Amino acid sequence: MPIFEFACNECGHPFEELVRNASDTSEVTCPSCGGSQVKKKISTFASKVSGGNPFSLNAGASASCRTGSV
């Protein structure tokens, strides 16, 4: 079950809700005011790259690949 991020249109409270599937988001209510006018926010996610420098796209590339020579 995914966790979605929401914001209440009535009180502005941001919150997260665990829902069974994307179609069940219409049943979500604000935990702060109980309002049913909520908007699903676009969420970001993080992933871990095994080995190497996670901030470099070419961390595992050889020198010839980075310079473009064959």
PDB file of N, CA and C in Angstrom:
ATOM      1  N   MET A   1       0.845  -1.181   0.000  1.00  0.00           N
ATOM      2  CA  MET A   1       0.000   0.000   0.000  1.00  0.00           C
ATOM      3  C   MET A   1       0.890   1.243   0.000  1.00  0.00           C
ATOM      4  N   PRO A   2       0.676   2.106  -0.965  1.00  0.00           N
ATOM      5  CA  PRO A   2       1.518   3.313  -1.045  1.00  0.00           C
ATOM      6  C   PRO A   2       1.078   4.403  -0.069  1.00  0.00           C
ATOM      7  N   ILE A   3       2.033   5.235   0.288  1.00  0.00           N
ATOM      8  CA  ILE A   3       1.761   6.411   1.112  1.00  0.00           C
ATOM      9  C   ILE A   3       1.713   7.603   0.171  1.00  0.00           C
ATOM     10  N   PHE A   4       0.601   8.332   0.203  1.00  0.00           N
ATOM     11  CA  PHE A   4       0.447   9.519  -0.625  1.00  0.00           C
ATOM     12  C   PHE A   4       0.511  10.762   0.251  1.00  0.00           C
ATOM     13  N   GLU A   5       0.970  11.868  -0.324  1.00  0.00           N
ATOM     14  CA  GLU A   5       0.991  13.156   0.359  1.00  0.00           C
ATOM     15  C   GLU A   5      -0.212  13.969  -0.093  1.00  0.00           C
ATOM     16  N   PHE A   6      -0.849  14.625   0.868  1.00  0.00           N
ATOM     17  CA  PHE A   6      -2.029  15.438   0.594  1.00  0.00           C
ATOM     18  C   PHE A   6      -1.892  16.801   1.258  1.00  0.00           C
ATOM     19  N   ALA A   7      -2.721  17.737   0.819  1.00  0.00           N
ATOM     20  CA  ALA A   7      -2.878  19.038   1.466  1.00  0.00           C
ATOM     21  C   ALA A   7      -4.372  19.316   1.528  1.00  0.00           C
ATOM     22  N   CYS A   8      -4.831  19.766   2.667  1.00  0.00           N
ATOM     23  CA  CYS A   8      -6.247  20.061   2.841  1.00  0.00           C
ATOM     24  C   CYS A   8      -6.563  21.415   2.206  1.00  0.00           C
ATOM     25  N   ASN A   9      -7.605  21.456   1.383  1.00  0.00           N
ATOM     26  CA  ASN A   9      -8.024  22.712   0.755  1.00  0.00           C
ATOM     27  C   ASN A   9      -8.767  23.612   1.728  1.00  0.00           C
ATOM     28  N   GLU A  10      -9.266  23.035   2.829  1.00  0.00           N
ATOM     29  CA  GLU A  10     -10.051  23.817   3.789  1.00  0.00           C
ATOM     30  C   GLU A  10      -9.178  24.497   4.843  1.00  0.00           C
ATOM     31  N   CYS A  11      -8.203  23.755   5.432  1.00  0.00           N
ATOM     32  CA  CYS A  11      -7.371  24.345   6.484  1.00  0.00           C
ATOM     33  C   CYS A  11      -5.905  24.480   6.086  1.00  0.00           C
ATOM     34  N   GLY A  12      -5.510  23.895   4.935  1.00  0.00           N
ATOM     35  CA  GLY A  12      -4.139  24.002   4.454  1.00  0.00           C
ATOM     36  C   GLY A  12      -3.158  23.020   5.079  1.00  0.00           C
ATOM     37  N   HIS A  13      -3.640  22.127   5.938  1.00  0.00           N
ATOM     38  CA  HIS A  13      -2.779  21.172   6.640  1.00  0.00           C
ATOM     39  C   HIS A  13      -2.193  20.134   5.681  1.00  0.00           C
ATOM     40  N   PRO A  14      -0.842  20.003   5.625  1.00  0.00           N
ATOM     41  CA  PRO A  14      -0.245  18.940   4.811  1.00  0.00           C
ATOM     42  C   PRO A  14      -0.176  17.654   5.630  1.00  0.00           C
ATOM     43  N   PHE A  15      -0.428  16.510   4.992  1.00  0.00           N
ATOM     44  CA  PHE A  15      -0.378  15.234   5.705  1.00  0.00           C
ATOM     45  C   PHE A  15      -0.130  14.089   4.738  1.00  0.00           C
ATOM     46  N   GLU A  16       0.218  12.938   5.286  1.00  0.00           N
ATOM     47  CA  GLU A  16       0.433  11.727   4.507  1.00  0.00           C
ATOM     48  C   GLU A  16      -0.629  10.717   4.886  1.00  0.00           C
ATOM     49  N   GLU A  17      -1.025   9.895   3.921  1.00  0.00           N
ATOM     50  CA  GLU A  17      -2.072   8.895   4.170  1.00  0.00           C
ATOM     51  C   GLU A  17      -1.706   7.597   3.463  1.00  0.00           C
ATOM     52  N   LEU A  18      -1.855   6.497   4.148  1.00  0.00           N
ATOM     53  CA  LEU A  18      -1.643   5.173   3.578  1.00  0.00           C
ATOM     54  C   LEU A  18      -2.948   4.729   2.932  1.00  0.00           C
ATOM     55  N   VAL A  19      -2.945   4.481   1.628  1.00  0.00           N
ATOM     56  CA  VAL A  19      -4.162   4.083   0.912  1.00  0.00           C
ATOM     57  C   VAL A  19      -3.919   2.777   0.158  1.00  0.00           C
ATOM     58  N   ARG A  20      -4.989   2.014  -0.054  1.00  0.00           N
ATOM     59  CA  ARG A  20      -4.862   0.719  -0.725  1.00  0.00           C
ATOM     60  C   ARG A  20      -4.437   0.870  -2.179  1.00  0.00           C
ATOM     61  N   ASN A  21      -5.050   1.779  -2.907  1.00  0.00           N
ATOM     62  CA  ASN A  21      -4.661   2.050  -4.289  1.00  0.00           C
ATOM     63  C   ASN A  21      -5.047   3.481  -4.643  1.00  0.00           C
ATOM     64  N   ALA A  22      -4.595   3.927  -5.800  1.00  0.00           N
ATOM     65  CA  ALA A  22      -4.790   5.328  -6.194  1.00  0.00           C
ATOM     66  C   ALA A  22      -6.255   5.734  -6.285  1.00  0.00           C
ATOM     67  N   SER A  23      -7.151   4.800  -6.581  1.00  0.00           N
ATOM     68  CA  SER A  23      -8.571   5.147  -6.705  1.00  0.00           C
ATOM     69  C   SER A  23      -9.223   5.395  -5.340  1.00  0.00           C
ATOM     70  N   ASP A  24      -8.592   4.958  -4.245  1.00  0.00           N
ATOM     71  CA  ASP A  24      -9.143   5.172  -2.908  1.00  0.00           C
ATOM     72  C   ASP A  24      -8.844   6.558  -2.345  1.00  0.00           C
ATOM     73  N   THR A  25      -8.137   7.406  -3.073  1.00  0.00           N
ATOM     74  CA  THR A  25      -7.782   8.727  -2.558  1.00  0.00           C
ATOM     75  C   THR A  25      -8.998   9.636  -2.415  1.00  0.00           C
ATOM     76  N   SER A  26     -10.114   9.305  -3.054  1.00  0.00           N
ATOM     77  CA  SER A  26     -11.320  10.124  -2.934  1.00  0.00           C
ATOM     78  C   SER A  26     -11.955   9.996  -1.551  1.00  0.00           C
ATOM     79  N   GLU A  27     -11.593   8.971  -0.793  1.00  0.00           N
ATOM     80  CA  GLU A  27     -12.154   8.746   0.542  1.00  0.00           C
ATOM     81  C   GLU A  27     -11.298   9.356   1.652  1.00  0.00           C
ATOM     82  N   VAL A  28     -10.185  10.016   1.308  1.00  0.00           N
ATOM     83  CA  VAL A  28      -9.263  10.571   2.292  1.00  0.00           C
ATOM     84  C   VAL A  28      -9.837  11.851   2.886  1.00  0.00           C
ATOM     85  N   THR A  29      -9.743  11.977   4.209  1.00  0.00           N
ATOM     86  CA  THR A  29     -10.159  13.200   4.905  1.00  0.00           C
ATOM     87  C   THR A  29      -8.977  13.760   5.690  1.00  0.00           C
ATOM     88  N   CYS A  30      -9.011  15.043   5.933  1.00  0.00           N
ATOM     89  CA  CYS A  30      -7.945  15.725   6.665  1.00  0.00           C
ATOM     90  C   CYS A  30      -7.964  15.303   8.135  1.00  0.00           C
ATOM     91  N   PRO A  31      -6.823  14.877   8.683  1.00  0.00           N
ATOM     92  CA  PRO A  31      -6.782  14.493  10.089  1.00  0.00           C
ATOM     93  C   PRO A  31      -6.866  15.679  11.048  1.00  0.00           C
ATOM     94  N   SER A  32      -6.624  16.883  10.544  1.00  0.00           N
ATOM     95  CA  SER A  32      -6.648  18.074  11.383  1.00  0.00           C
ATOM     96  C   SER A  32      -8.061  18.641  11.549  1.00  0.00           C
ATOM     97  N   CYS A  33      -8.767  18.835  10.421  1.00  0.00           N
ATOM     98  CA  CYS A  33     -10.092  19.461  10.498  1.00  0.00           C
ATOM     99  C   CYS A  33     -11.226  18.520  10.089  1.00  0.00           C
ATOM    100  N   GLY A  34     -10.885  17.345   9.525  1.00  0.00           N
ATOM    101  CA  GLY A  34     -11.912  16.404   9.088  1.00  0.00           C
ATOM    102  C   GLY A  34     -12.499  16.731   7.735  1.00  0.00           C
ATOM    103  N   GLY A  35     -11.937  17.726   7.061  1.00  0.00           N
ATOM    104  CA  GLY A  35     -12.447  18.135   5.755  1.00  0.00           C
ATOM    105  C   GLY A  35     -12.212  17.083   4.683  1.00  0.00           C
ATOM    106  N   SER A  36     -13.124  17.025   3.732  1.00  0.00           N
ATOM    107  CA  SER A  36     -13.001  16.047   2.652  1.00  0.00           C
ATOM    108  C   SER A  36     -12.435  16.654   1.367  1.00  0.00           C
ATOM    109  N   GLN A  37     -12.192  17.955   1.365  1.00  0.00           N
ATOM    110  CA  GLN A  37     -11.638  18.634   0.193  1.00  0.00           C
ATOM    111  C   GLN A  37     -10.115  18.611   0.299  1.00  0.00           C
ATOM    112  N   VAL A  38      -9.508  17.499  -0.108  1.00  0.00           N
ATOM    113  CA  VAL A  38      -8.059  17.362  -0.047  1.00  0.00           C
ATOM    114  C   VAL A  38      -7.504  17.203  -1.458  1.00  0.00           C
ATOM    115  N   LYS A  39      -6.259  17.606  -1.634  1.00  0.00           N
ATOM    116  CA  LYS A  39      -5.603  17.523  -2.933  1.00  0.00           C
ATOM    117  C   LYS A  39      -4.341  16.682  -2.788  1.00  0.00           C
ATOM    118  N   LYS A  40      -4.188  15.711  -3.679  1.00  0.00           N
ATOM    119  CA  LYS A  40      -3.002  14.870  -3.671  1.00  0.00           C
ATOM    120  C   LYS A  40      -1.827  15.667  -4.226  1.00  0.00           C
ATOM    121  N   LYS A  41      -0.721  15.645  -3.500  1.00  0.00           N
ATOM    122  CA  LYS A  41       0.477  16.359  -3.916  1.00  0.00           C
ATOM    123  C   LYS A  41       1.382  15.426  -4.714  1.00  0.00           C
ATOM    124  N   ILE A  42       2.237  15.997  -5.516  1.00  0.00           N
ATOM    125  CA  ILE A  42       3.234  15.217  -6.237  1.00  0.00           C
ATOM    126  C   ILE A  42       4.380  14.943  -5.273  1.00  0.00           C
ATOM    127  N   SER A  43       4.689  13.673  -5.078  1.00  0.00           N
ATOM    128  CA  SER A  43       5.721  13.273  -4.134  1.00  0.00           C
ATOM    129  C   SER A  43       7.048  13.014  -4.836  1.00  0.00           C
ATOM    130  N   THR A  44       8.125  13.213  -4.102  1.00  0.00           N
ATOM    131  CA  THR A  44       9.450  12.858  -4.585  1.00  0.00           C
ATOM    132  C   THR A  44       9.904  11.617  -3.852  1.00  0.00           C
ATOM    133  N   PHE A  45      10.909  10.970  -4.381  1.00  0.00           N
ATOM    134  CA  PHE A  45      11.430   9.790  -3.723  1.00  0.00           C
ATOM    135  C   PHE A  45      12.938   9.773  -3.845  1.00  0.00           C
ATOM    136  N   ALA A  46      13.566   8.959  -3.026  1.00  0.00           N
ATOM    137  CA  ALA A  46      15.015   8.818  -3.056  1.00  0.00           C
ATOM    138  C   ALA A  46      15.354   7.358  -3.271  1.00  0.00           C
ATOM    139  N   SER A  47      16.470   7.128  -3.914  1.00  0.00           N
ATOM    140  CA  SER A  47      16.945   5.759  -4.078  1.00  0.00           C
ATOM    141  C   SER A  47      18.438   5.728  -3.822  1.00  0.00           C
ATOM    142  N   LYS A  48      18.933   4.584  -3.437  1.00  0.00           N
ATOM    143  CA  LYS A  48      20.337   4.437  -3.126  1.00  0.00           C
ATOM    144  C   LYS A  48      21.022   3.679  -4.252  1.00  0.00           C
ATOM    145  N   VAL A  49      22.144   4.206  -4.712  1.00  0.00           N
ATOM    146  CA  VAL A  49      22.938   3.553  -5.735  1.00  0.00           C
ATOM    147  C   VAL A  49      24.013   2.762  -5.009  1.00  0.00           C
ATOM    148  N   SER A  50      24.121   1.478  -5.295  1.00  0.00           N
ATOM    149  CA  SER A  50      25.116   0.678  -4.591  1.00  0.00           C
ATOM    150  C   SER A  50      26.505   0.939  -5.160  1.00  0.00           C
ATOM    151  N   GLY A  51      27.445   1.229  -4.285  1.00  0.00           N
ATOM    152  CA  GLY A  51      28.827   1.470  -4.673  1.00  0.00           C
ATOM    153  C   GLY A  51      29.020   2.800  -5.359  1.00  0.00           C
ATOM    154  N   GLY A  52      30.227   3.275  -5.354  1.00  0.00           N
ATOM    155  CA  GLY A  52      30.558   4.507  -6.064  1.00  0.00           C
ATOM    156  C   GLY A  52      30.027   5.755  -5.381  1.00  0.00           C
ATOM    157  N   ASN A  53      30.185   6.854  -6.034  1.00  0.00           N
ATOM    158  CA  ASN A  53      29.752   8.151  -5.546  1.00  0.00           C
ATOM    159  C   ASN A  53      28.303   8.381  -5.993  1.00  0.00           C
ATOM    160  N   PRO A  54      27.355   8.504  -5.068  1.00  0.00           N
ATOM    161  CA  PRO A  54      25.950   8.670  -5.457  1.00  0.00           C
ATOM    162  C   PRO A  54      25.659  10.002  -6.138  1.00  0.00           C
ATOM    163  N   PHE A  55      26.611  10.958  -6.085  1.00  0.00           N
ATOM    164  CA  PHE A  55      26.384  12.273  -6.676  1.00  0.00           C
ATOM    165  C   PHE A  55      26.994  12.408  -8.059  1.00  0.00           C
ATOM    166  N   SER A  56      27.664  11.374  -8.541  1.00  0.00           N
ATOM    167  CA  SER A  56      28.305  11.428  -9.846  1.00  0.00           C
ATOM    168  C   SER A  56      27.665  10.400 -10.769  1.00  0.00           C
ATOM    169  N   LEU A  57      27.215  10.843 -11.950  1.00  0.00           N
ATOM    170  CA  LEU A  57      26.608   9.926 -12.904  1.00  0.00           C
ATOM    171  C   LEU A  57      27.648   9.006 -13.527  1.00  0.00           C
ATOM    172  N   ASN A  58      28.912   9.437 -13.588  1.00  0.00           N
ATOM    173  CA  ASN A  58      29.975   8.655 -14.213  1.00  0.00           C
ATOM    174  C   ASN A  58      30.884   7.998 -13.187  1.00  0.00           C
ATOM    175  N   ALA A  59      30.381   7.719 -12.008  1.00  0.00           N
ATOM    176  CA  ALA A  59      31.211   7.200 -10.925  1.00  0.00           C
ATOM    177  C   ALA A  59      31.900   5.899 -11.300  1.00  0.00           C
ATOM    178  N   GLY A  60      31.246   5.017 -12.037  1.00  0.00           N
ATOM    179  CA  GLY A  60      31.838   3.735 -12.378  1.00  0.00           C
ATOM    180  C   GLY A  60      32.355   3.665 -13.795  1.00  0.00           C
ATOM    181  N   ALA A  61      32.344   4.755 -14.536  1.00  0.00           N
ATOM    182  CA  ALA A  61      32.764   4.736 -15.940  1.00  0.00           C
ATOM    183  C   ALA A  61      34.277   4.776 -16.049  1.00  0.00           C
ATOM    184  N   SER A  62      34.803   4.174 -17.073  1.00  0.00           N
ATOM    185  CA  SER A  62      36.248   4.206 -17.303  1.00  0.00           C
ATOM    186  C   SER A  62      36.629   5.555 -17.912  1.00  0.00           C
ATOM    187  N   ALA A  63      37.932   5.850 -17.923  1.00  0.00           N
ATOM    188  CA  ALA A  63      38.407   7.121 -18.436  1.00  0.00           C
ATOM    189  C   ALA A  63      38.076   7.274 -19.915  1.00  0.00           C
ATOM    190  N   SER A  64      38.149   6.183 -20.669  1.00  0.00           N
ATOM    191  CA  SER A  64      37.856   6.281 -22.103  1.00  0.00           C
ATOM    192  C   SER A  64      36.403   6.630 -22.356  1.00  0.00           C
ATOM    193  N   CYS A  65      35.507   6.199 -21.493  1.00  0.00           N
ATOM    194  CA  CYS A  65      34.082   6.523 -21.670  1.00  0.00           C
ATOM    195  C   CYS A  65      33.818   7.992 -21.383  1.00  0.00           C
ATOM    196  N   ARG A  66      34.508   8.546 -20.410  1.00  0.00           N
ATOM    197  CA  ARG A  66      34.273   9.936 -20.052  1.00  0.00           C
ATOM    198  C   ARG A  66      34.807  10.898 -21.095  1.00  0.00           C
ATOM    199  N   THR A  67      35.873  10.537 -21.774  1.00  0.00           N
ATOM    200  CA  THR A  67      36.452  11.461 -22.763  1.00  0.00           C
ATOM    201  C   THR A  67      35.851  11.263 -24.140  1.00  0.00           C
ATOM    202  N   GLY A  68      35.120  10.179 -24.335  1.00  0.00           N
ATOM    203  CA  GLY A  68      34.487   9.944 -25.612  1.00  0.00           C
ATOM    204  C   GLY A  68      35.369   9.184 -26.575  1.00  0.00           C
ATOM    205  N   SER A  69      36.637   8.860 -26.196  1.00  0.00           N
ATOM    206  CA  SER A  69      37.509   8.115 -27.104  1.00  0.00           C
ATOM    207  C   SER A  69      37.208   6.627 -27.007  1.00  0.00           C
ATOM    208  N   VAL A  70      37.533   5.895 -28.059  1.00  0.00           N
ATOM    209  CA  VAL A  70      37.239   4.467 -28.114  1.00  0.00           C
ATOM    210  C   VAL A  70      38.469   3.659 -27.808  1.00  0.00           C
TER     211      VAL A  70
END
